[in-house]
Amino acid sequence: MVTPTDAMANSPYTDALLRLLGRRKVFVSYHHHGDRGYYDSLSSVISSEYDVIQDNSVEREIDSDDSDYVIRRIREDYITGTSCTLVLCGADTCDRKFVDWEIKATLDAHHGLIGIALPTARLSADGCVVVPARLHDNIVSGFGVWTDWEQLFSGPLALKTVIEMATARRSSLIDNSRPLRRRNG
């Protein structure tokens, strides 16, 4: 699991550096039916530190199954202007096609990608959190950053540090080769 290092979080320069960077705009991808409460909690905690976190259910907002059209709209209407995408990984997130499409649009734009294991996350037989396949590919490649809900709120700099880690990753590490998810699981 990739988490902020103690050395970075405790550096006397980290807080000053993060203040200089200003407010970042982030996009949050999640399963709207299953994980809305976590989105609301996250949004209320970080809204003073980060620019607008838009709550838009792509499925309701963009009434189309044309993947190229939907991905273009996600990129143009939601991803453009953000620094990174936070993917809230709950029990059914891995099965949602629009989450996959939002991750694809994020990677197409070369924005940071962060996976966050929610307390409700589904576990595999070996005890690992089950995540969307495209997110998994990018955690394995070293592009995506992985953390969990508790770690995200472990201190005042935890989220900022994770976001800065994600936005600093080299885009050459992006793995966006997986075919699009065509339906919900």
N, C-alpha and C. Protein backbone atom coordinates (compact mmCIF):
# COMPACT_ATOMS: atom_id res chain seq x y z
N MET A 1 0.85 -1.17 0.00
CA MET A 1 0.00 0.00 0.00
C MET A 1 0.90 1.24 0.00
N VAL A 2 0.64 2.16 -0.90
CA VAL A 2 1.40 3.40 -0.94
C VAL A 2 0.69 4.42 -0.06
N THR A 3 1.41 4.91 0.94
CA THR A 3 0.86 5.93 1.82
C THR A 3 1.88 7.03 1.98
N PRO A 4 1.49 8.21 2.45
CA PRO A 4 2.46 9.27 2.66
C PRO A 4 3.53 8.80 3.63
N THR A 5 4.76 9.09 3.34
CA THR A 5 5.84 8.68 4.24
C THR A 5 5.90 9.60 5.44
N ASP A 6 6.33 9.05 6.56
CA ASP A 6 6.47 9.87 7.77
C ASP A 6 7.45 11.01 7.54
N ALA A 7 8.54 10.73 6.82
CA ALA A 7 9.54 11.77 6.58
C ALA A 7 8.94 12.96 5.83
N MET A 8 8.13 12.68 4.83
CA MET A 8 7.53 13.77 4.06
C MET A 8 6.49 14.50 4.90
N ALA A 9 5.66 13.76 5.61
CA ALA A 9 4.59 14.38 6.39
C ALA A 9 5.15 15.21 7.54
N ASN A 10 6.32 14.84 8.06
CA ASN A 10 6.89 15.55 9.20
C ASN A 10 7.95 16.57 8.82
N SER A 11 8.20 16.73 7.55
CA SER A 11 9.20 17.69 7.11
C SER A 11 8.75 19.11 7.43
N PRO A 12 9.65 19.96 7.93
CA PRO A 12 9.27 21.35 8.22
C PRO A 12 8.95 22.12 6.95
N TYR A 13 9.36 21.61 5.82
CA TYR A 13 9.15 22.30 4.56
C TYR A 13 7.84 21.90 3.88
N THR A 14 7.28 20.76 4.27
CA THR A 14 6.10 20.25 3.60
C THR A 14 4.92 21.21 3.70
N ASP A 15 4.62 21.71 4.90
CA ASP A 15 3.48 22.61 5.07
C ASP A 15 3.66 23.89 4.27
N ALA A 16 4.85 24.46 4.30
CA ALA A 16 5.11 25.70 3.55
C ALA A 16 4.98 25.45 2.05
N LEU A 17 5.50 24.33 1.58
CA LEU A 17 5.41 24.00 0.16
C LEU A 17 3.96 23.83 -0.26
N LEU A 18 3.18 23.12 0.52
CA LEU A 18 1.79 22.88 0.16
C LEU A 18 0.97 24.17 0.18
N ARG A 19 1.29 25.11 1.09
CA ARG A 19 0.61 26.40 1.09
C ARG A 19 0.91 27.18 -0.18
N LEU A 20 2.15 27.09 -0.67
CA LEU A 20 2.53 27.80 -1.89
C LEU A 20 1.82 27.24 -3.12
N LEU A 21 1.52 25.96 -3.08
CA LEU A 21 0.90 25.33 -4.24
C LEU A 21 -0.55 25.77 -4.44
N GLY A 22 -1.17 26.28 -3.40
CA GLY A 22 -2.53 26.78 -3.53
C GLY A 22 -3.57 25.66 -3.53
N ARG A 23 -4.80 26.06 -3.75
CA ARG A 23 -5.91 25.11 -3.75
C ARG A 23 -5.96 24.34 -5.06
N ARG A 24 -6.03 23.06 -4.94
CA ARG A 24 -6.19 22.21 -6.12
C ARG A 24 -7.66 21.86 -6.28
N LYS A 25 -8.03 21.62 -7.50
CA LYS A 25 -9.37 21.13 -7.79
C LYS A 25 -9.27 19.63 -8.03
N VAL A 26 -10.12 18.86 -7.36
CA VAL A 26 -10.08 17.42 -7.50
C VAL A 26 -11.45 16.91 -7.95
N PHE A 27 -11.42 15.80 -8.64
CA PHE A 27 -12.64 15.12 -9.07
C PHE A 27 -12.76 13.85 -8.25
N VAL A 28 -13.95 13.54 -7.80
CA VAL A 28 -14.17 12.33 -7.01
C VAL A 28 -15.05 11.37 -7.81
N SER A 29 -14.55 10.16 -8.00
CA SER A 29 -15.28 9.11 -8.70
C SER A 29 -15.70 8.08 -7.65
N TYR A 30 -16.97 7.70 -7.68
CA TYR A 30 -17.46 6.74 -6.70
C TYR A 30 -18.78 6.16 -7.18
N HIS A 31 -19.20 5.09 -6.55
CA HIS A 31 -20.49 4.47 -6.84
C HIS A 31 -21.55 5.28 -6.10
N HIS A 32 -22.34 6.04 -6.84
CA HIS A 32 -23.27 6.99 -6.24
C HIS A 32 -24.30 6.34 -5.32
N HIS A 33 -24.78 5.18 -5.68
CA HIS A 33 -25.79 4.53 -4.84
C HIS A 33 -25.17 3.98 -3.55
N GLY A 34 -24.01 3.38 -3.66
CA GLY A 34 -23.42 2.70 -2.50
C GLY A 34 -22.54 3.53 -1.60
N ASP A 35 -21.88 4.55 -2.14
CA ASP A 35 -20.85 5.25 -1.38
C ASP A 35 -21.10 6.74 -1.21
N ARG A 36 -22.33 7.17 -1.39
CA ARG A 36 -22.66 8.60 -1.30
C ARG A 36 -22.31 9.18 0.07
N GLY A 37 -22.53 8.44 1.13
CA GLY A 37 -22.21 8.94 2.48
C GLY A 37 -20.74 9.25 2.64
N TYR A 38 -19.88 8.40 2.08
CA TYR A 38 -18.43 8.66 2.16
C TYR A 38 -18.06 9.88 1.33
N TYR A 39 -18.68 10.02 0.17
CA TYR A 39 -18.44 11.22 -0.65
C TYR A 39 -18.84 12.47 0.13
N ASP A 40 -20.01 12.45 0.76
CA ASP A 40 -20.48 13.61 1.52
C ASP A 40 -19.52 13.94 2.66
N SER A 41 -19.05 12.92 3.37
CA SER A 41 -18.09 13.14 4.46
C SER A 41 -16.79 13.74 3.95
N LEU A 42 -16.26 13.15 2.89
CA LEU A 42 -15.02 13.66 2.30
C LEU A 42 -15.20 15.09 1.84
N SER A 43 -16.26 15.35 1.14
CA SER A 43 -16.53 16.67 0.60
C SER A 43 -16.61 17.72 1.71
N SER A 44 -17.31 17.40 2.79
CA SER A 44 -17.46 18.38 3.87
C SER A 44 -16.14 18.65 4.57
N VAL A 45 -15.28 17.64 4.68
CA VAL A 45 -14.00 17.81 5.36
C VAL A 45 -13.01 18.60 4.51
N ILE A 46 -12.97 18.35 3.21
CA ILE A 46 -11.90 18.96 2.39
C ILE A 46 -12.34 20.16 1.56
N SER A 47 -13.60 20.52 1.61
CA SER A 47 -14.07 21.61 0.75
C SER A 47 -13.40 22.95 1.06
N SER A 48 -12.91 23.12 2.28
CA SER A 48 -12.23 24.38 2.59
C SER A 48 -10.79 24.38 2.07
N GLU A 49 -10.23 23.21 1.82
CA GLU A 49 -8.85 23.12 1.35
C GLU A 49 -8.72 22.99 -0.16
N TYR A 50 -9.75 22.44 -0.80
CA TYR A 50 -9.68 22.16 -2.23
C TYR A 50 -10.80 22.85 -2.95
N ASP A 51 -10.53 23.21 -4.17
CA ASP A 51 -11.54 23.85 -5.00
C ASP A 51 -12.67 22.87 -5.24
N VAL A 52 -13.71 23.32 -5.83
CA VAL A 52 -14.98 22.62 -5.97
C VAL A 52 -14.81 21.13 -6.28
N ILE A 53 -15.40 20.33 -5.44
CA ILE A 53 -15.53 18.90 -5.71
C ILE A 53 -16.94 18.74 -6.23
N GLN A 54 -17.07 18.50 -7.50
CA GLN A 54 -18.39 18.45 -8.11
C GLN A 54 -19.06 17.11 -7.86
N ASP A 55 -20.29 17.18 -7.41
CA ASP A 55 -21.07 15.97 -7.20
C ASP A 55 -21.99 15.79 -8.40
N ASN A 56 -21.53 15.01 -9.34
CA ASN A 56 -22.32 14.77 -10.54
C ASN A 56 -22.34 13.28 -10.81
N SER A 57 -23.50 12.72 -10.88
CA SER A 57 -23.61 11.34 -11.29
C SER A 57 -23.58 11.34 -12.82
N VAL A 58 -22.48 10.89 -13.36
CA VAL A 58 -22.32 10.89 -14.81
C VAL A 58 -23.45 10.12 -15.47
N GLU A 59 -23.87 9.04 -14.84
CA GLU A 59 -24.94 8.21 -15.40
C GLU A 59 -26.22 9.01 -15.58
N ARG A 60 -26.53 9.89 -14.60
CA ARG A 60 -27.75 10.71 -14.70
C ARG A 60 -27.53 11.94 -15.59
N GLU A 61 -26.35 12.55 -15.48
CA GLU A 61 -26.06 13.79 -16.20
C GLU A 61 -25.89 13.58 -17.71
N ILE A 62 -25.25 12.49 -18.08
CA ILE A 62 -24.97 12.21 -19.50
C ILE A 62 -25.76 10.95 -19.85
N ASP A 63 -26.90 11.12 -20.44
CA ASP A 63 -27.80 10.01 -20.72
C ASP A 63 -27.43 9.37 -22.05
N SER A 64 -26.35 8.58 -22.03
CA SER A 64 -25.90 7.93 -23.25
C SER A 64 -25.08 6.70 -22.89
N ASP A 65 -25.09 5.70 -23.76
CA ASP A 65 -24.23 4.54 -23.61
C ASP A 65 -23.11 4.55 -24.65
N ASP A 66 -23.00 5.64 -25.41
CA ASP A 66 -21.91 5.80 -26.38
C ASP A 66 -20.65 6.15 -25.61
N SER A 67 -19.77 5.18 -25.42
CA SER A 67 -18.60 5.36 -24.55
C SER A 67 -17.71 6.51 -25.00
N ASP A 68 -17.48 6.66 -26.31
CA ASP A 68 -16.62 7.75 -26.78
C ASP A 68 -17.21 9.11 -26.41
N TYR A 69 -18.52 9.26 -26.62
CA TYR A 69 -19.20 10.51 -26.28
C TYR A 69 -19.14 10.77 -24.78
N VAL A 70 -19.44 9.76 -23.97
CA VAL A 70 -19.47 9.93 -22.52
C VAL A 70 -18.07 10.27 -22.00
N ILE A 71 -17.05 9.57 -22.46
CA ILE A 71 -15.68 9.84 -22.01
C ILE A 71 -15.25 11.25 -22.40
N ARG A 72 -15.61 11.67 -23.61
CA ARG A 72 -15.29 13.04 -24.02
C ARG A 72 -15.98 14.04 -23.10
N ARG A 73 -17.24 13.82 -22.79
CA ARG A 73 -17.97 14.72 -21.88
C ARG A 73 -17.38 14.70 -20.47
N ILE A 74 -16.99 13.53 -19.99
CA ILE A 74 -16.35 13.45 -18.67
C ILE A 74 -15.08 14.29 -18.67
N ARG A 75 -14.27 14.10 -19.70
CA ARG A 75 -13.00 14.84 -19.79
C ARG A 75 -13.26 16.34 -19.87
N GLU A 76 -14.17 16.77 -20.73
CA GLU A 76 -14.42 18.19 -20.95
C GLU A 76 -15.20 18.85 -19.81
N ASP A 77 -16.18 18.16 -19.25
CA ASP A 77 -17.07 18.78 -18.28
C ASP A 77 -16.66 18.56 -16.82
N TYR A 78 -15.89 17.53 -16.54
CA TYR A 78 -15.58 17.21 -15.15
C TYR A 78 -14.09 17.16 -14.85
N ILE A 79 -13.29 16.58 -15.74
CA ILE A 79 -11.87 16.35 -15.48
C ILE A 79 -11.02 17.58 -15.80
N THR A 80 -11.36 18.30 -16.86
CA THR A 80 -10.59 19.48 -17.26
C THR A 80 -10.52 20.46 -16.10
N GLY A 81 -9.32 20.91 -15.79
CA GLY A 81 -9.12 21.88 -14.71
C GLY A 81 -8.84 21.25 -13.36
N THR A 82 -8.95 19.93 -13.25
CA THR A 82 -8.63 19.27 -11.99
C THR A 82 -7.18 18.83 -12.00
N SER A 83 -6.67 18.52 -10.83
CA SER A 83 -5.30 18.02 -10.69
C SER A 83 -5.27 16.50 -10.66
N CYS A 84 -6.31 15.92 -10.07
CA CYS A 84 -6.32 14.47 -9.92
C CYS A 84 -7.75 13.99 -9.67
N THR A 85 -7.89 12.67 -9.73
CA THR A 85 -9.16 12.02 -9.43
C THR A 85 -8.97 11.12 -8.23
N LEU A 86 -9.88 11.25 -7.27
CA LEU A 86 -9.93 10.37 -6.11
C LEU A 86 -11.00 9.32 -6.40
N VAL A 87 -10.64 8.05 -6.34
CA VAL A 87 -11.60 6.97 -6.58
C VAL A 87 -11.92 6.32 -5.24
N LEU A 88 -13.15 6.51 -4.78
CA LEU A 88 -13.59 5.91 -3.53
C LEU A 88 -13.97 4.47 -3.81
N CYS A 89 -13.24 3.53 -3.24
CA CYS A 89 -13.42 2.10 -3.53
C CYS A 89 -14.22 1.42 -2.44
N GLY A 90 -15.53 1.30 -2.67
CA GLY A 90 -16.43 0.62 -1.75
C GLY A 90 -16.75 -0.77 -2.26
N ALA A 91 -17.82 -1.34 -1.76
CA ALA A 91 -18.19 -2.73 -2.05
C ALA A 91 -18.42 -3.00 -3.54
N ASP A 92 -19.03 -2.07 -4.26
CA ASP A 92 -19.40 -2.33 -5.66
C ASP A 92 -18.69 -1.44 -6.68
N THR A 93 -17.75 -0.64 -6.24
CA THR A 93 -17.08 0.31 -7.14
C THR A 93 -16.43 -0.39 -8.32
N CYS A 94 -15.83 -1.53 -8.09
CA CYS A 94 -15.10 -2.23 -9.15
C CYS A 94 -16.02 -2.68 -10.29
N ASP A 95 -17.32 -2.75 -10.04
CA ASP A 95 -18.28 -3.22 -11.04
C ASP A 95 -18.96 -2.11 -11.83
N ARG A 96 -18.61 -0.85 -11.61
CA ARG A 96 -19.31 0.27 -12.21
C ARG A 96 -18.60 0.75 -13.48
N LYS A 97 -19.31 0.73 -14.60
CA LYS A 97 -18.70 1.13 -15.87
C LYS A 97 -18.33 2.61 -15.89
N PHE A 98 -19.15 3.48 -15.29
CA PHE A 98 -18.84 4.90 -15.33
C PHE A 98 -17.62 5.25 -14.49
N VAL A 99 -17.36 4.50 -13.43
CA VAL A 99 -16.13 4.69 -12.66
C VAL A 99 -14.94 4.36 -13.55
N ASP A 100 -15.03 3.25 -14.29
CA ASP A 100 -13.96 2.90 -15.23
C ASP A 100 -13.76 4.00 -16.26
N TRP A 101 -14.84 4.55 -16.78
CA TRP A 101 -14.75 5.58 -17.81
C TRP A 101 -14.17 6.87 -17.23
N GLU A 102 -14.50 7.18 -15.97
CA GLU A 102 -13.93 8.37 -15.33
C GLU A 102 -12.43 8.19 -15.10
N ILE A 103 -12.02 6.98 -14.73
CA ILE A 103 -10.59 6.71 -14.57
C ILE A 103 -9.89 6.83 -15.92
N LYS A 104 -10.48 6.29 -16.98
CA LYS A 104 -9.89 6.40 -18.31
C LYS A 104 -9.72 7.87 -18.72
N ALA A 105 -10.75 8.68 -18.51
CA ALA A 105 -10.67 10.10 -18.86
C ALA A 105 -9.59 10.79 -18.05
N THR A 106 -9.43 10.43 -16.80
CA THR A 106 -8.38 10.99 -15.95
C THR A 106 -7.01 10.65 -16.53
N LEU A 107 -6.82 9.40 -16.90
CA LEU A 107 -5.54 8.96 -17.46
C LEU A 107 -5.28 9.59 -18.82
N ASP A 108 -6.32 9.72 -19.64
CA ASP A 108 -6.16 10.39 -20.93
C ASP A 108 -5.64 11.81 -20.76
N ALA A 109 -6.06 12.46 -19.67
CA ALA A 109 -5.66 13.84 -19.40
C ALA A 109 -4.33 13.91 -18.64
N HIS A 110 -3.75 12.76 -18.29
CA HIS A 110 -2.50 12.67 -17.55
C HIS A 110 -2.59 13.32 -16.18
N HIS A 111 -3.76 13.24 -15.55
CA HIS A 111 -3.95 13.77 -14.21
C HIS A 111 -3.63 12.69 -13.19
N GLY A 112 -3.36 13.12 -11.96
CA GLY A 112 -3.07 12.19 -10.89
C GLY A 112 -4.26 11.27 -10.61
N LEU A 113 -3.96 10.10 -10.07
CA LEU A 113 -4.99 9.09 -9.79
C LEU A 113 -4.74 8.51 -8.40
N ILE A 114 -5.76 8.57 -7.55
CA ILE A 114 -5.65 8.08 -6.18
C ILE A 114 -6.81 7.13 -5.90
N GLY A 115 -6.49 5.93 -5.46
CA GLY A 115 -7.50 4.98 -5.02
C GLY A 115 -7.58 5.01 -3.50
N ILE A 116 -8.80 5.04 -2.98
CA ILE A 116 -9.01 5.11 -1.53
C ILE A 116 -9.90 3.94 -1.12
N ALA A 117 -9.37 3.04 -0.30
CA ALA A 117 -10.14 1.91 0.20
C ALA A 117 -11.08 2.40 1.28
N LEU A 118 -12.38 2.23 1.05
CA LEU A 118 -13.38 2.59 2.05
C LEU A 118 -13.54 1.44 3.04
N PRO A 119 -14.03 1.70 4.23
CA PRO A 119 -14.26 0.62 5.20
C PRO A 119 -15.22 -0.46 4.67
N THR A 120 -16.04 -0.12 3.70
CA THR A 120 -17.00 -1.07 3.12
C THR A 120 -16.43 -1.84 1.93
N ALA A 121 -15.18 -1.63 1.61
CA ALA A 121 -14.59 -2.25 0.42
C ALA A 121 -14.71 -3.77 0.45
N ARG A 122 -14.94 -4.33 -0.72
CA ARG A 122 -15.00 -5.78 -0.87
C ARG A 122 -13.58 -6.32 -0.83
N LEU A 123 -13.38 -7.45 -0.17
CA LEU A 123 -12.07 -8.08 -0.10
C LEU A 123 -12.05 -9.35 -0.94
N SER A 124 -10.92 -9.61 -1.56
CA SER A 124 -10.74 -10.84 -2.33
C SER A 124 -10.45 -11.98 -1.35
N ALA A 125 -10.34 -13.19 -1.87
CA ALA A 125 -10.08 -14.36 -1.03
C ALA A 125 -8.76 -14.23 -0.27
N ASP A 126 -7.80 -13.49 -0.85
CA ASP A 126 -6.50 -13.32 -0.17
C ASP A 126 -6.46 -12.06 0.70
N GLY A 127 -7.61 -11.40 0.90
CA GLY A 127 -7.69 -10.28 1.81
C GLY A 127 -7.36 -8.92 1.22
N CYS A 128 -7.18 -8.84 -0.10
CA CYS A 128 -6.89 -7.57 -0.76
C CYS A 128 -8.19 -6.88 -1.16
N VAL A 129 -8.17 -5.55 -1.17
CA VAL A 129 -9.33 -4.79 -1.60
C VAL A 129 -9.53 -4.98 -3.09
N VAL A 130 -10.77 -5.25 -3.50
CA VAL A 130 -11.10 -5.40 -4.91
C VAL A 130 -11.36 -3.99 -5.46
N VAL A 131 -10.60 -3.62 -6.48
CA VAL A 131 -10.68 -2.27 -7.04
C VAL A 131 -10.99 -2.34 -8.54
N PRO A 132 -11.42 -1.23 -9.13
CA PRO A 132 -11.61 -1.24 -10.58
C PRO A 132 -10.31 -1.65 -11.28
N ALA A 133 -10.44 -2.47 -12.31
CA ALA A 133 -9.28 -3.05 -12.99
C ALA A 133 -8.31 -1.99 -13.52
N ARG A 134 -8.83 -0.92 -14.09
CA ARG A 134 -7.97 0.13 -14.65
C ARG A 134 -7.19 0.85 -13.53
N LEU A 135 -7.82 1.04 -12.39
CA LEU A 135 -7.13 1.60 -11.23
C LEU A 135 -6.03 0.65 -10.78
N HIS A 136 -6.35 -0.63 -10.68
CA HIS A 136 -5.36 -1.63 -10.29
C HIS A 136 -4.14 -1.61 -11.22
N ASP A 137 -4.40 -1.57 -12.54
CA ASP A 137 -3.30 -1.53 -13.51
C ASP A 137 -2.34 -0.39 -13.21
N ASN A 138 -2.89 0.75 -12.82
CA ASN A 138 -2.07 1.94 -12.61
C ASN A 138 -1.43 2.00 -11.23
N ILE A 139 -1.98 1.31 -10.27
CA ILE A 139 -1.29 1.16 -8.99
C ILE A 139 -0.09 0.25 -9.19
N VAL A 140 -0.29 -0.85 -9.93
CA VAL A 140 0.80 -1.79 -10.22
C VAL A 140 1.90 -1.12 -11.05
N SER A 141 1.52 -0.27 -12.00
CA SER A 141 2.53 0.39 -12.86
C SER A 141 3.32 1.46 -12.11
N GLY A 142 2.82 1.87 -10.94
CA GLY A 142 3.49 2.92 -10.18
C GLY A 142 2.92 4.31 -10.42
N PHE A 143 1.91 4.41 -11.28
CA PHE A 143 1.31 5.73 -11.53
C PHE A 143 0.27 6.08 -10.48
N GLY A 144 -0.62 5.18 -10.17
CA GLY A 144 -1.68 5.45 -9.20
C GLY A 144 -1.17 5.35 -7.78
N VAL A 145 -1.75 6.14 -6.91
CA VAL A 145 -1.42 6.11 -5.48
C VAL A 145 -2.56 5.40 -4.77
N TRP A 146 -2.22 4.56 -3.81
CA TRP A 146 -3.21 3.78 -3.07
C TRP A 146 -3.14 4.13 -1.60
N THR A 147 -4.27 4.36 -0.99
CA THR A 147 -4.35 4.63 0.44
C THR A 147 -5.68 4.12 0.94
N ASP A 148 -5.94 4.29 2.23
CA ASP A 148 -7.24 3.90 2.76
C ASP A 148 -7.88 5.07 3.50
N TRP A 149 -9.15 4.92 3.79
CA TRP A 149 -9.95 5.98 4.39
C TRP A 149 -9.33 6.50 5.68
N GLU A 150 -8.90 5.59 6.55
CA GLU A 150 -8.34 6.00 7.83
C GLU A 150 -7.03 6.77 7.64
N GLN A 151 -6.17 6.29 6.76
CA GLN A 151 -4.88 6.95 6.51
C GLN A 151 -5.11 8.35 5.94
N LEU A 152 -6.13 8.50 5.13
CA LEU A 152 -6.42 9.78 4.50
C LEU A 152 -6.67 10.88 5.53
N PHE A 153 -7.22 10.50 6.67
CA PHE A 153 -7.54 11.47 7.71
C PHE A 153 -6.65 11.32 8.94
N SER A 154 -5.45 10.75 8.76
CA SER A 154 -4.56 10.50 9.90
C SER A 154 -3.88 11.76 10.43
N GLY A 155 -3.89 12.82 9.66
CA GLY A 155 -3.28 14.06 10.10
C GLY A 155 -3.61 15.16 9.12
N PRO A 156 -3.30 16.40 9.48
CA PRO A 156 -3.70 17.52 8.64
C PRO A 156 -3.05 17.56 7.27
N LEU A 157 -1.92 16.91 7.11
CA LEU A 157 -1.23 16.93 5.81
C LEU A 157 -1.40 15.66 5.01
N ALA A 158 -2.09 14.67 5.55
CA ALA A 158 -2.17 13.36 4.88
C ALA A 158 -2.77 13.47 3.48
N LEU A 159 -3.95 14.07 3.34
CA LEU A 159 -4.58 14.16 2.03
C LEU A 159 -3.75 15.03 1.08
N LYS A 160 -3.26 16.16 1.57
CA LYS A 160 -2.44 17.03 0.73
C LYS A 160 -1.21 16.29 0.21
N THR A 161 -0.58 15.53 1.08
CA THR A 161 0.62 14.79 0.70
C THR A 161 0.30 13.75 -0.37
N VAL A 162 -0.80 13.02 -0.18
CA VAL A 162 -1.20 12.01 -1.16
C VAL A 162 -1.49 12.66 -2.52
N ILE A 163 -2.20 13.78 -2.51
CA ILE A 163 -2.51 14.48 -3.77
C ILE A 163 -1.24 14.96 -4.45
N GLU A 164 -0.32 15.50 -3.69
CA GLU A 164 0.94 15.97 -4.30
C GLU A 164 1.75 14.79 -4.85
N MET A 165 1.73 13.66 -4.14
CA MET A 165 2.41 12.46 -4.65
C MET A 165 1.81 12.04 -5.99
N ALA A 166 0.48 12.04 -6.06
CA ALA A 166 -0.20 11.58 -7.27
C ALA A 166 0.06 12.52 -8.44
N THR A 167 0.03 13.81 -8.21
CA THR A 167 0.21 14.76 -9.32
C THR A 167 1.66 14.85 -9.77
N ALA A 168 2.59 14.34 -8.95
CA ALA A 168 4.01 14.37 -9.31
C ALA A 168 4.45 13.13 -10.08
N ARG A 169 3.60 12.13 -10.19
CA ARG A 169 3.98 10.88 -10.87
C ARG A 169 4.19 11.12 -12.36
N ARG A 170 5.16 10.40 -12.92
CA ARG A 170 5.47 10.52 -14.35
C ARG A 170 4.35 9.89 -15.18
N SER A 171 3.88 10.63 -16.18
CA SER A 171 2.80 10.12 -17.02
C SER A 171 3.24 8.93 -17.86
N SER A 172 4.52 8.72 -18.00
CA SER A 172 5.00 7.55 -18.75
C SER A 172 4.64 6.24 -18.04
N LEU A 173 4.24 6.32 -16.78
CA LEU A 173 3.84 5.13 -16.02
C LEU A 173 2.38 4.75 -16.24
N ILE A 174 1.62 5.60 -16.93
CA ILE A 174 0.19 5.35 -17.15
C ILE A 174 -0.03 4.08 -17.97
N ASP A 175 -0.93 3.24 -17.50
CA ASP A 175 -1.36 2.05 -18.24
C ASP A 175 -2.86 2.20 -18.50
N ASN A 176 -3.19 2.62 -19.70
CA ASN A 176 -4.60 2.83 -20.07
C ASN A 176 -4.98 1.90 -21.22
N SER A 177 -4.37 0.72 -21.23
CA SER A 177 -4.52 -0.20 -22.35
C SER A 177 -5.72 -1.14 -22.23
N ARG A 178 -6.29 -1.22 -21.07
CA ARG A 178 -7.40 -2.16 -20.83
C ARG A 178 -8.63 -1.75 -21.64
N PRO A 179 -9.36 -2.70 -22.21
CA PRO A 179 -10.63 -2.36 -22.89
C PRO A 179 -11.61 -1.73 -21.90
N LEU A 180 -12.48 -0.88 -22.41
CA LEU A 180 -13.47 -0.23 -21.56
C LEU A 180 -14.46 -1.24 -20.99
N ARG A 181 -14.87 -1.00 -19.79
CA ARG A 181 -15.94 -1.79 -19.18
C ARG A 181 -17.22 -1.37 -19.91
N ARG A 182 -17.97 -2.31 -20.42
CA ARG A 182 -19.15 -2.01 -21.23
C ARG A 182 -20.46 -2.05 -20.46
N ARG A 183 -20.46 -2.67 -19.29
CA ARG A 183 -21.70 -2.72 -18.51
C ARG A 183 -21.35 -2.83 -17.04
N ASN A 184 -22.33 -2.54 -16.20
CA ASN A 184 -22.15 -2.68 -14.77
C ASN A 184 -22.22 -4.14 -14.40
N GLY A 185 -21.46 -4.51 -13.38
CA GLY A 185 -21.41 -5.91 -12.93
C GLY A 185 -22.57 -6.27 -12.05
